[in-house]
Every structure is written in structure tokens, then in C-alpha cells.
Amino acid sequence: MALNKLTDTQVKRFRTPGRYGDGGGLYLEIKNGKRWIMRYLSPVTGKTRDMGLGSLDSVSLALARDLARKHRELIAEGIDPIDQRKDARAETRAQLARTRMPSFQACWDEWRREGQSGVTRKHANRQDRRVEMYALPILGKLSVDKIDTDEIVDMLTPIWRGRMETTRRMLRVVAQVMRYAKQRKYRTGDNPAEWKNLDSIFNYNHQSESLARVEPEDMPALMALLRDSTALGARCAEFAAHTLMRSTCVRETRWVEIDLPHRLWTVPKERMKVKGRTKDFLLPLSDRAVAILEEKAALRHNDYVFAGTWGGNHCLAETALRDAVYPLLDKHATVHGFRSAFRDWGDEQIRDDGTAMFGTDVLEYAIGHTVRSKVQRAYQRDEAYALRTPLMARWSAYLDGTL
């Protein structure tokens, strides 16, 4: 078998498309450029195969001959050079994959598969939804060893204000995943999701928030105490919890806004505390809300549902409402905290198949917020009234302890 038929000068001067043999199966191919080809009979299949060795710009004649020689040696040993190269490349990719740390999403999936959460299926579904809603959009694609406090702050900033219970539970799960990653040698150093690493950033507002809220699990007991209370503002506070409106909005409720036969409260747009609102808010009334109104109707003596006691056409004072709630708790909690408790509770309402009972938009509409998307608002001009009706009924049932 004649070898080394070509010279460097010839290789450089060839211009006509075609193949120019150097011997031993090595060819210079000219087709949209110049490249080296190794043609051989596969010792595995017995079929002719062409193996690219690189372009002339990167592989010289001498190097091409050396590569061809090595491939002929493999063929002599019964190894197909193309198969051998594919196997080598696959092994290289596998080695890189083994040294590359997994993403937070991959680590989260692994943690769940290995049963590290140790919770019931229903609780796991709620846990999954929190992480999918709040953590994965920010952390999911990040390498788990690259996640630091900055990324955790980015995750918390849109949700923590007014929803500390959801934030706390979701953060606890993220911290567990990060601890798992450290155990598996995916990362080193401190856990960025531990509260001690975030306290200096959120501490002030966190303390303020803790003064203003009630935890969702405390709401049924508080409602039972309010229902038995004879305090002047007890019914007003209870109505605020069942309707989720702000305290001033509830105190200023007028009878002209109430449609008891249709179980409807039309809240004037001026009292909704939403800048630029152009229409009144239609609020479906639950059984308990209607019962409170019927009780107050029997005592009606002015235009307000929750009337003041000092005569004239006045509504209940803010102090009376606050005084009805404060003595019932071991810490000061405001009526506004009922709304935060509802949002945390709403996020926890999961069907058996793991899907959410109520969408985020519906929950936001229920507390009188306006969703950001103009497209969503266009499709829900009644602010999801039909969906809010069963939502308010379920929330009231939860407050009454009958859910």
C-alpha cells in the first residue's frame, strides 16, 4: 500500500473540487473548502465509512497522516474509529456533567424523589405549589452552588410584604433543599436561605409586619371569640374578616350599598383605595356575612350598617373596631391582618391532584386588588365575580370552623 503520495505544495495549490489520495485511505477533499477524510472498511459492519479529520486550516498534512496511521491501528485491532470517537466524546460529556453542579430545579426534584420532605401528600402538594410559584421562577435555572443571598432576596422581594406566613413556609423549604445540596457536595458555605442571613435586610419591616397580622391557623379561634364578644366593634370586625375589606371601608358601609336578597355588597369605587379605579366593586356575601347584616338591620338607627353610638348619622369609630380585636390576642393584630391571613390561606387551598383551587388573580380580586395585566382585566371585567362567590363561601366556612 503506497503512502505519502501528496506534498505540502500540492495540497496548497489544489483548487479543483474532488478528492486527492495520499494513500492508506487518507484523502484531501475539496468541497466548499479543504478538509481531510479517512475512508475505510468498518471492522464491525464491513461497510465503507468516511471519517472527517478536520480542515486543512487546522490539520496539516503531517498531522493528518499521523491521525490516519492511528486509525489504521484501531481498525487492525477490530475497532471502528468513528464508534471509538463517539464513545470518547460521550465519556467526556459525562465527565463534564459529573463535575457541573445541578440547577436548583434539578436539586429540588432530586430532594423530592428521595423523600427528604417527610410530609403528607396533601402538604407536599401545597409545598410544591409554593416553590413552583415563588422559588423556581427566580432560582430554578441557577446552578445550586451559585445561589447566594442576593438571589434569595430577589425571590423574596415581590412577595414578602404582607404575606410573611407564605414567605416563611416557602423559605423553610428552600433552606432544606440548600442543606440537602450541601450534604450531596453540590455546594459549600452558609445556607443563603437561612433567616439569620436575611434578617438584616428584612428585619425592620418583618417586625412591623408581625405586629399587623394574624396567622391563618389562628383565624377560626379568633372568629369564635369575636362571635361571642359583646364589644361594640365585634360584629364589624367579624364582618371585615368575612368580606376581606379594609377597616375604614367596612366601618363606612351604608345600608344603601347592601342588597340582602341577592347577597351582594356594592362597594363604592371611592372607598376601594385603588388609584384610578373607574367602577364599584361587587362583593358576594357569605352566609355568615348575611347573618351579621340581618342582625344589624334589626338595630338600624341611621344610614350606616355599623353605626356610632354618640348620636347623629355617624359610623363606628376606628377605636371601637380596634378595641374589639386587641384584647382577644396575645399581641396587637389589626383588622388589616385578616387580609394577609386570607392570602396565605388562599395559596394553601390545593385539590387532591395538586392543582390550585383558586388562581392568584381570583385571590387578588377577593381583597380588592387590581391585577397588573390589562389583557387579564379585559377578560375578567366583573373581576371574577362567579369565581369569588365560592371562594368567599369557603373562606367563611373556614373561619366558622365548618370547612
Protein backbone atom coordinates (compact mmCIF):
# COMPACT_ATOMS: atom_id res chain seq x y z
CA MET A 1 0.00 0.00 0.00
CA ALA A 2 1.65 3.19 -1.21
CA LEU A 3 1.64 6.03 1.32
CA ASN A 4 2.58 9.73 1.41
CA LYS A 5 1.70 10.48 -2.20
CA LEU A 6 0.95 14.15 -1.63
CA THR A 7 3.29 17.05 -0.89
CA ASP A 8 2.65 20.25 1.08
CA THR A 9 2.99 22.27 -2.10
CA GLN A 10 0.37 20.20 -3.93
CA VAL A 11 -2.01 20.37 -1.01
CA LYS A 12 -1.79 24.15 -1.02
CA ARG A 13 -2.17 24.51 -4.81
CA PHE A 14 -5.11 22.13 -5.40
CA ARG A 15 -8.22 24.12 -6.37
CA THR A 16 -10.42 21.80 -8.42
CA PRO A 17 -13.20 20.16 -6.35
CA GLY A 18 -12.69 16.45 -5.76
CA ARG A 19 -10.66 14.02 -3.64
CA TYR A 20 -6.89 13.67 -3.74
CA GLY A 21 -5.50 10.47 -2.24
CA ASP A 22 -2.37 10.34 -0.05
CA GLY A 23 -2.58 6.56 0.39
CA GLY A 24 -3.74 4.36 3.24
CA GLY A 25 -7.29 5.72 2.99
CA LEU A 26 -6.30 9.35 3.59
CA TYR A 27 -7.81 11.91 1.20
CA LEU A 28 -7.82 15.66 0.82
CA GLU A 29 -11.36 16.62 -0.14
CA ILE A 30 -12.08 19.96 -1.83
CA LYS A 31 -15.72 20.92 -1.46
CA ASN A 32 -16.63 24.30 0.00
CA GLY A 33 -13.11 24.37 1.41
CA LYS A 34 -10.41 21.79 2.01
CA ARG A 35 -10.68 19.03 4.62
CA TRP A 36 -9.16 15.64 5.39
CA ILE A 37 -11.14 12.42 5.01
CA MET A 38 -10.26 8.93 6.21
CA ARG A 39 -12.00 6.23 4.11
CA TYR A 40 -12.00 2.68 5.46
CA LEU A 41 -13.94 -0.56 5.78
CA SER A 42 -15.51 -0.85 9.21
CA PRO A 43 -14.20 -3.97 11.02
CA VAL A 44 -17.58 -4.11 12.77
CA THR A 45 -20.07 -3.84 9.89
CA GLY A 46 -17.85 -4.38 6.83
CA LYS A 47 -19.26 -1.20 5.28
CA THR A 48 -17.25 1.68 3.82
CA ARG A 49 -17.19 4.76 6.08
CA ASP A 50 -15.77 8.25 5.70
CA MET A 51 -14.36 9.86 8.80
CA GLY A 52 -13.63 13.59 8.92
CA LEU A 53 -10.23 14.52 10.37
CA GLY A 54 -10.55 18.30 10.25
CA SER A 55 -9.98 21.16 7.82
CA LEU A 56 -6.64 21.89 6.17
CA ASP A 57 -6.56 25.21 8.06
CA SER A 58 -6.35 23.38 11.40
CA VAL A 59 -4.82 19.99 10.42
CA SER A 60 -1.59 19.91 8.45
CA LEU A 61 -0.59 17.14 6.04
CA ALA A 62 1.78 15.67 8.61
CA LEU A 63 -0.87 15.66 11.35
CA ALA A 64 -3.46 14.16 9.01
CA ARG A 65 -1.05 11.29 8.18
CA ASP A 66 -0.45 10.69 11.90
CA LEU A 67 -4.18 10.57 12.62
CA ALA A 68 -4.76 8.20 9.71
CA ARG A 69 -1.99 5.91 10.98
CA LYS A 70 -3.58 5.72 14.45
CA HIS A 71 -6.98 4.94 12.96
CA ARG A 72 -5.49 2.14 10.82
CA GLU A 73 -4.05 0.66 14.01
CA LEU A 74 -7.52 0.70 15.64
CA ILE A 75 -9.01 -0.98 12.56
CA ALA A 76 -6.35 -3.66 12.78
CA GLU A 77 -7.49 -4.31 16.37
CA GLY A 78 -11.12 -4.67 15.25
CA ILE A 79 -12.20 -1.22 16.48
CA ASP A 80 -14.20 1.14 14.32
CA PRO A 81 -12.55 4.61 14.65
CA ILE A 82 -15.84 6.52 14.29
CA ASP A 83 -17.50 4.45 17.03
CA GLN A 84 -14.45 4.85 19.22
CA ARG A 85 -14.52 8.64 18.79
CA LYS A 86 -18.23 8.79 19.59
CA ASP A 87 -17.65 6.79 22.76
CA ALA A 88 -14.76 9.05 23.77
CA ARG A 89 -16.85 12.18 23.24
CA ALA A 90 -19.76 10.72 25.19
CA GLU A 91 -17.44 9.93 28.09
CA THR A 92 -16.06 13.47 28.01
CA ARG A 93 -19.58 14.90 28.15
CA ALA A 94 -20.44 12.58 31.02
CA GLN A 95 -17.37 13.69 32.94
CA LEU A 96 -18.27 17.34 32.43
CA ALA A 97 -21.83 16.63 33.57
CA ARG A 98 -20.49 14.94 36.70
CA THR A 99 -18.33 17.93 37.57
CA ARG A 100 -21.02 20.52 36.70
CA MET A 101 -23.31 21.22 39.65
CA PRO A 102 -27.05 20.69 39.16
CA SER A 103 -29.53 23.53 38.89
CA PHE A 104 -31.80 24.40 41.81
CA GLN A 105 -34.67 22.82 39.84
CA ALA A 106 -32.73 19.55 39.45
CA CYS A 107 -31.72 19.58 43.11
CA TRP A 108 -35.32 20.29 44.17
CA ASP A 109 -36.58 17.37 42.05
CA GLU A 110 -33.90 15.07 43.48
CA TRP A 111 -34.73 16.10 47.05
CA ARG A 112 -38.40 15.35 46.48
CA ARG A 113 -37.72 11.96 44.81
CA GLU A 114 -35.62 10.84 47.74
CA GLY A 115 -38.42 11.68 50.14
CA GLN A 116 -36.45 14.25 52.05
CA SER A 117 -39.52 16.39 52.78
CA GLY A 118 -41.11 13.83 55.13
CA VAL A 119 -44.63 15.28 54.81
CA THR A 120 -48.05 14.04 53.82
CA ARG A 121 -49.10 14.08 50.18
CA LYS A 122 -51.55 16.94 50.70
CA HIS A 123 -48.93 19.02 52.49
CA ALA A 124 -46.39 18.11 49.82
CA ASN A 125 -48.76 19.40 47.12
CA ARG A 126 -49.03 22.72 48.92
CA GLN A 127 -45.30 22.81 49.39
CA ASP A 128 -44.73 22.10 45.69
CA ARG A 129 -47.07 24.91 44.66
CA ARG A 130 -45.30 27.46 46.86
CA VAL A 131 -41.93 26.57 45.40
CA GLU A 132 -43.24 26.46 41.83
CA MET A 133 -44.93 29.86 42.19
CA TYR A 134 -42.26 31.78 44.03
CA ALA A 135 -38.88 30.00 44.05
CA LEU A 136 -38.48 28.25 40.69
CA PRO A 137 -39.11 31.33 38.50
CA ILE A 138 -36.09 33.00 40.17
CA LEU A 139 -33.86 30.10 41.26
CA GLY A 140 -34.89 27.20 39.01
CA LYS A 141 -32.26 27.50 36.27
CA LEU A 142 -29.43 28.71 38.50
CA SER A 143 -26.62 26.31 39.41
CA VAL A 144 -27.27 25.41 43.03
CA ASP A 145 -23.69 26.23 44.02
CA LYS A 146 -24.03 29.78 42.62
CA ILE A 147 -27.10 30.76 44.65
CA ASP A 148 -26.31 33.39 47.26
CA THR A 149 -28.18 35.83 49.47
CA ASP A 150 -28.75 38.20 46.53
CA GLU A 151 -30.76 35.56 44.67
CA ILE A 152 -32.81 34.75 47.79
CA VAL A 153 -33.56 38.46 48.27
CA ASP A 154 -34.66 38.68 44.62
CA MET A 155 -37.01 35.77 45.27
CA LEU A 156 -38.49 37.27 48.45
CA THR A 157 -38.83 40.92 47.47
CA PRO A 158 -42.02 40.59 45.33
CA ILE A 159 -43.94 38.52 47.89
CA TRP A 160 -42.82 39.04 51.48
CA ARG A 161 -44.65 42.28 52.28
CA GLY A 162 -47.99 41.42 53.84
CA ARG A 163 -47.56 37.67 53.27
CA MET A 164 -44.95 36.64 55.80
CA GLU A 165 -46.53 33.27 56.53
CA THR A 166 -46.30 32.16 52.89
CA THR A 167 -42.80 33.62 52.72
CA ARG A 168 -41.71 31.85 55.90
CA ARG A 169 -43.00 28.44 54.80
CA MET A 170 -41.60 28.73 51.30
CA LEU A 171 -38.24 29.93 52.62
CA ARG A 172 -38.08 26.99 55.02
CA VAL A 173 -38.42 24.55 52.11
CA VAL A 174 -35.77 26.35 50.05
CA ALA A 175 -33.42 26.21 53.04
CA GLN A 176 -33.99 22.45 53.32
CA VAL A 177 -33.15 21.98 49.64
CA MET A 178 -29.98 24.03 50.07
CA ARG A 179 -28.96 21.93 53.09
CA TYR A 180 -29.54 18.81 51.02
CA ALA A 181 -27.35 20.28 48.25
CA LYS A 182 -24.57 20.81 50.75
CA GLN A 183 -24.88 17.24 52.04
CA ARG A 184 -24.54 15.99 48.47
CA LYS A 185 -21.40 18.14 47.99
CA TYR A 186 -23.19 20.29 45.40
CA ARG A 187 -22.29 23.45 47.30
CA THR A 188 -20.26 24.71 50.26
CA GLY A 189 -20.54 27.60 52.69
CA ASP A 190 -23.50 29.09 54.54
CA ASN A 191 -27.10 28.42 53.63
CA PRO A 192 -28.32 31.65 51.96
CA ALA A 193 -31.96 30.75 52.71
CA GLU A 194 -31.46 30.70 56.49
CA TRP A 195 -33.27 33.61 58.11
CA LYS A 196 -30.13 34.67 60.00
CA ASN A 197 -28.60 35.61 56.65
CA LEU A 198 -31.63 37.72 55.69
CA ASP A 199 -32.64 39.31 58.98
CA SER A 200 -30.52 42.43 58.50
CA ILE A 201 -32.27 43.07 55.17
CA PHE A 202 -35.88 42.37 56.12
CA ASN A 203 -35.72 42.82 59.90
CA TYR A 204 -37.39 46.21 60.30
CA ASN A 205 -40.31 45.52 58.02
CA HIS A 206 -40.53 41.96 59.30
CA GLN A 207 -41.07 43.28 62.83
CA SER A 208 -43.67 45.76 61.63
CA GLU A 209 -45.45 43.01 59.74
CA SER A 210 -45.57 40.76 62.78
CA LEU A 211 -47.46 43.46 64.69
CA ALA A 212 -50.12 43.78 61.99
CA ARG A 213 -51.03 40.23 61.08
CA VAL A 214 -52.84 37.12 62.28
CA GLU A 215 -51.70 33.69 61.18
CA PRO A 216 -54.27 31.79 59.08
CA GLU A 217 -54.45 28.93 61.58
CA ASP A 218 -55.43 31.39 64.34
CA MET A 219 -58.35 32.88 62.44
CA PRO A 220 -61.10 30.33 63.32
CA ALA A 221 -60.39 30.65 67.06
CA LEU A 222 -60.37 34.44 66.80
CA MET A 223 -63.69 34.42 64.92
CA ALA A 224 -65.23 32.24 67.63
CA LEU A 225 -64.12 34.75 70.27
CA LEU A 226 -65.46 37.67 68.23
CA ARG A 227 -68.78 35.90 67.72
CA ASP A 228 -69.19 35.50 71.48
CA SER A 229 -67.96 39.02 72.22
CA THR A 230 -70.29 41.83 73.25
CA ALA A 231 -67.72 44.51 72.38
CA LEU A 232 -69.11 47.40 70.37
CA GLY A 233 -66.93 46.67 67.34
CA ALA A 234 -67.11 42.85 67.42
CA ARG A 235 -69.66 42.45 64.60
CA CYS A 236 -67.83 45.00 62.49
CA ALA A 237 -64.50 43.16 62.96
CA GLU A 238 -66.16 39.86 62.15
CA PHE A 239 -67.78 41.31 59.02
CA ALA A 240 -64.38 42.65 57.95
CA ALA A 241 -62.90 39.17 58.24
CA HIS A 242 -65.69 37.56 56.21
CA THR A 243 -65.65 40.21 53.46
CA LEU A 244 -61.87 40.95 53.43
CA MET A 245 -62.41 44.68 53.04
CA ARG A 246 -60.25 47.29 54.78
CA SER A 247 -61.38 48.53 58.19
CA THR A 248 -62.38 52.04 57.07
CA CYS A 249 -64.30 50.65 54.12
CA VAL A 250 -66.22 48.29 56.43
CA ARG A 251 -66.94 50.90 59.11
CA GLU A 252 -68.35 53.27 56.48
CA THR A 253 -70.66 50.67 54.93
CA ARG A 254 -74.10 52.19 54.24
CA TRP A 255 -77.35 50.30 54.01
CA VAL A 256 -77.92 51.66 50.50
CA GLU A 257 -74.92 49.58 49.35
CA ILE A 258 -76.38 46.30 50.63
CA ASP A 259 -78.64 44.02 48.58
CA LEU A 260 -79.61 41.26 51.02
CA PRO A 261 -81.97 39.35 48.65
CA HIS A 262 -79.12 38.97 46.17
CA ARG A 263 -76.44 38.59 48.87
CA LEU A 264 -74.44 41.44 47.37
CA TRP A 265 -72.45 44.39 48.72
CA THR A 266 -71.69 47.10 46.14
CA VAL A 267 -68.64 48.92 47.48
CA PRO A 268 -68.29 52.43 46.02
CA LYS A 269 -65.13 52.84 43.98
CA GLU A 270 -64.11 55.85 46.08
CA ARG A 271 -63.66 53.61 49.14
CA MET A 272 -61.66 50.86 47.42
CA LYS A 273 -58.29 52.61 47.91
CA VAL A 274 -57.23 51.72 44.35
CA LYS A 275 -55.84 54.62 42.36
CA GLY A 276 -57.67 55.24 39.10
CA ARG A 277 -60.48 52.77 39.79
CA THR A 278 -63.43 53.51 37.50
CA LYS A 279 -66.21 51.25 38.80
CA ASP A 280 -67.74 49.99 42.03
CA PHE A 281 -66.66 46.67 43.50
CA LEU A 282 -69.23 43.87 43.64
CA LEU A 283 -68.67 41.67 46.68
CA PRO A 284 -70.56 38.36 47.11
CA LEU A 285 -71.76 37.84 50.69
CA SER A 286 -71.35 34.54 52.51
CA ASP A 287 -73.88 33.02 54.91
CA ARG A 288 -72.19 34.50 57.98
CA ALA A 289 -71.83 37.92 56.39
CA VAL A 290 -75.57 37.93 55.59
CA ALA A 291 -76.37 36.82 59.15
CA ILE A 292 -74.36 39.72 60.57
CA LEU A 293 -76.20 42.17 58.32
CA GLU A 294 -79.59 40.76 59.33
CA GLU A 295 -78.62 41.13 62.98
CA LYS A 296 -77.55 44.74 62.44
CA ALA A 297 -80.68 45.50 60.38
CA ALA A 298 -82.84 44.80 63.42
CA LEU A 299 -80.90 47.52 65.29
CA ARG A 300 -80.72 50.05 62.46
CA HIS A 301 -80.96 53.69 63.53
CA ASN A 302 -79.04 55.62 60.86
CA ASP A 303 -77.57 55.24 57.34
CA TYR A 304 -74.61 53.14 58.46
CA VAL A 305 -74.61 49.39 58.98
CA PHE A 306 -72.12 49.77 61.83
CA ALA A 307 -73.43 52.92 63.42
CA GLY A 308 -71.74 55.08 66.02
CA THR A 309 -73.18 55.42 69.49
CA TRP A 310 -72.85 59.16 70.09
CA GLY A 311 -75.93 60.13 68.11
CA GLY A 312 -76.36 61.61 64.68
CA ASN A 313 -75.60 59.98 61.37
CA HIS A 314 -72.12 58.61 62.14
CA CYS A 315 -70.36 55.32 61.60
CA LEU A 316 -68.49 53.27 64.20
CA ALA A 317 -65.20 54.78 65.37
CA GLU A 318 -61.88 53.13 64.44
CA THR A 319 -61.01 52.75 68.13
CA ALA A 320 -64.13 50.67 68.74
CA LEU A 321 -63.15 48.30 65.96
CA ARG A 322 -59.55 48.04 67.16
CA ASP A 323 -60.61 47.53 70.79
CA ALA A 324 -62.77 44.58 69.74
CA VAL A 325 -59.76 42.74 68.33
CA TYR A 326 -56.77 43.66 70.52
CA PRO A 327 -57.93 42.08 73.80
CA LEU A 328 -58.51 38.73 72.09
CA LEU A 329 -54.88 38.20 71.10
CA ASP A 330 -51.59 37.93 72.97
CA LYS A 331 -50.15 40.53 70.56
CA HIS A 332 -51.57 43.54 68.76
CA ALA A 333 -53.14 42.49 65.47
CA THR A 334 -55.01 44.74 63.12
CA VAL A 335 -58.10 44.05 61.07
CA HIS A 336 -55.89 44.60 58.02
CA GLY A 337 -54.00 41.49 59.12
CA PHE A 338 -57.12 39.44 58.29
CA ARG A 339 -56.45 40.14 54.60
CA SER A 340 -52.88 38.88 54.86
CA ALA A 341 -54.10 35.76 56.62
CA PHE A 342 -56.58 35.16 53.80
CA ARG A 343 -53.88 35.46 51.10
CA ASP A 344 -51.70 32.91 52.88
CA TRP A 345 -54.71 30.62 53.38
CA GLY A 346 -55.75 31.02 49.73
CA ASP A 347 -52.34 29.91 48.48
CA GLU A 348 -52.72 26.75 50.57
CA GLN A 349 -56.03 25.65 49.02
CA ILE A 350 -54.97 22.70 46.89
CA ARG A 351 -57.03 19.95 45.25
CA ASP A 352 -56.09 16.30 45.70
CA ASP A 353 -54.40 16.30 42.29
CA GLY A 354 -52.06 19.06 43.42
CA THR A 355 -53.66 21.91 41.42
CA ALA A 356 -54.73 25.19 42.97
CA MET A 357 -58.41 25.62 43.84
CA PHE A 358 -58.24 29.36 43.20
CA GLY A 359 -55.95 31.26 40.87
CA THR A 360 -53.75 34.11 42.03
CA ASP A 361 -55.89 36.63 40.14
CA VAL A 362 -59.05 35.47 41.90
CA LEU A 363 -57.37 35.75 45.31
CA GLU A 364 -56.16 39.26 44.47
CA TYR A 365 -59.60 40.31 43.25
CA ALA A 366 -61.13 39.00 46.51
CA ILE A 367 -59.18 41.54 48.56
CA GLY A 368 -59.98 44.32 46.14
CA HIS A 369 -56.66 44.46 44.33
CA THR A 370 -56.34 45.11 40.61
CA VAL A 371 -54.37 42.59 38.58
CA ARG A 372 -51.48 44.02 36.58
CA SER A 373 -52.22 42.57 33.17
CA LYS A 374 -54.57 44.66 31.03
CA VAL A 375 -55.38 41.55 28.99
CA GLN A 376 -56.46 39.67 32.11
CA ARG A 377 -58.60 42.62 33.21
CA ALA A 378 -60.24 42.71 29.77
CA TYR A 379 -61.29 39.07 30.07
CA GLN A 380 -62.46 39.48 33.67
CA ARG A 381 -64.44 42.72 33.59
CA ASP A 382 -66.57 41.55 36.53
CA GLU A 383 -63.35 40.84 38.48
CA ALA A 384 -64.04 37.10 38.53
CA TYR A 385 -67.29 37.52 40.50
CA ALA A 386 -68.50 33.99 39.68
CA LEU A 387 -65.24 32.53 40.97
CA ARG A 388 -65.12 34.75 44.03
CA THR A 389 -68.54 33.58 45.20
CA PRO A 390 -67.46 30.00 46.09
CA LEU A 391 -64.13 31.37 47.32
CA MET A 392 -65.80 33.66 49.85
CA ALA A 393 -68.13 30.86 50.92
CA ARG A 394 -65.17 28.54 51.53
CA TRP A 395 -63.25 31.22 53.43
CA SER A 396 -66.26 31.92 55.66
CA ALA A 397 -66.69 28.18 56.30
CA TYR A 398 -63.03 28.03 57.32
CA LEU A 399 -63.48 30.99 59.68
CA ASP A 400 -66.57 29.35 61.22
CA GLY A 401 -64.73 26.05 61.68
CA THR A 402 -67.11 24.13 59.41
CA LEU A 403 -64.79 23.54 56.45
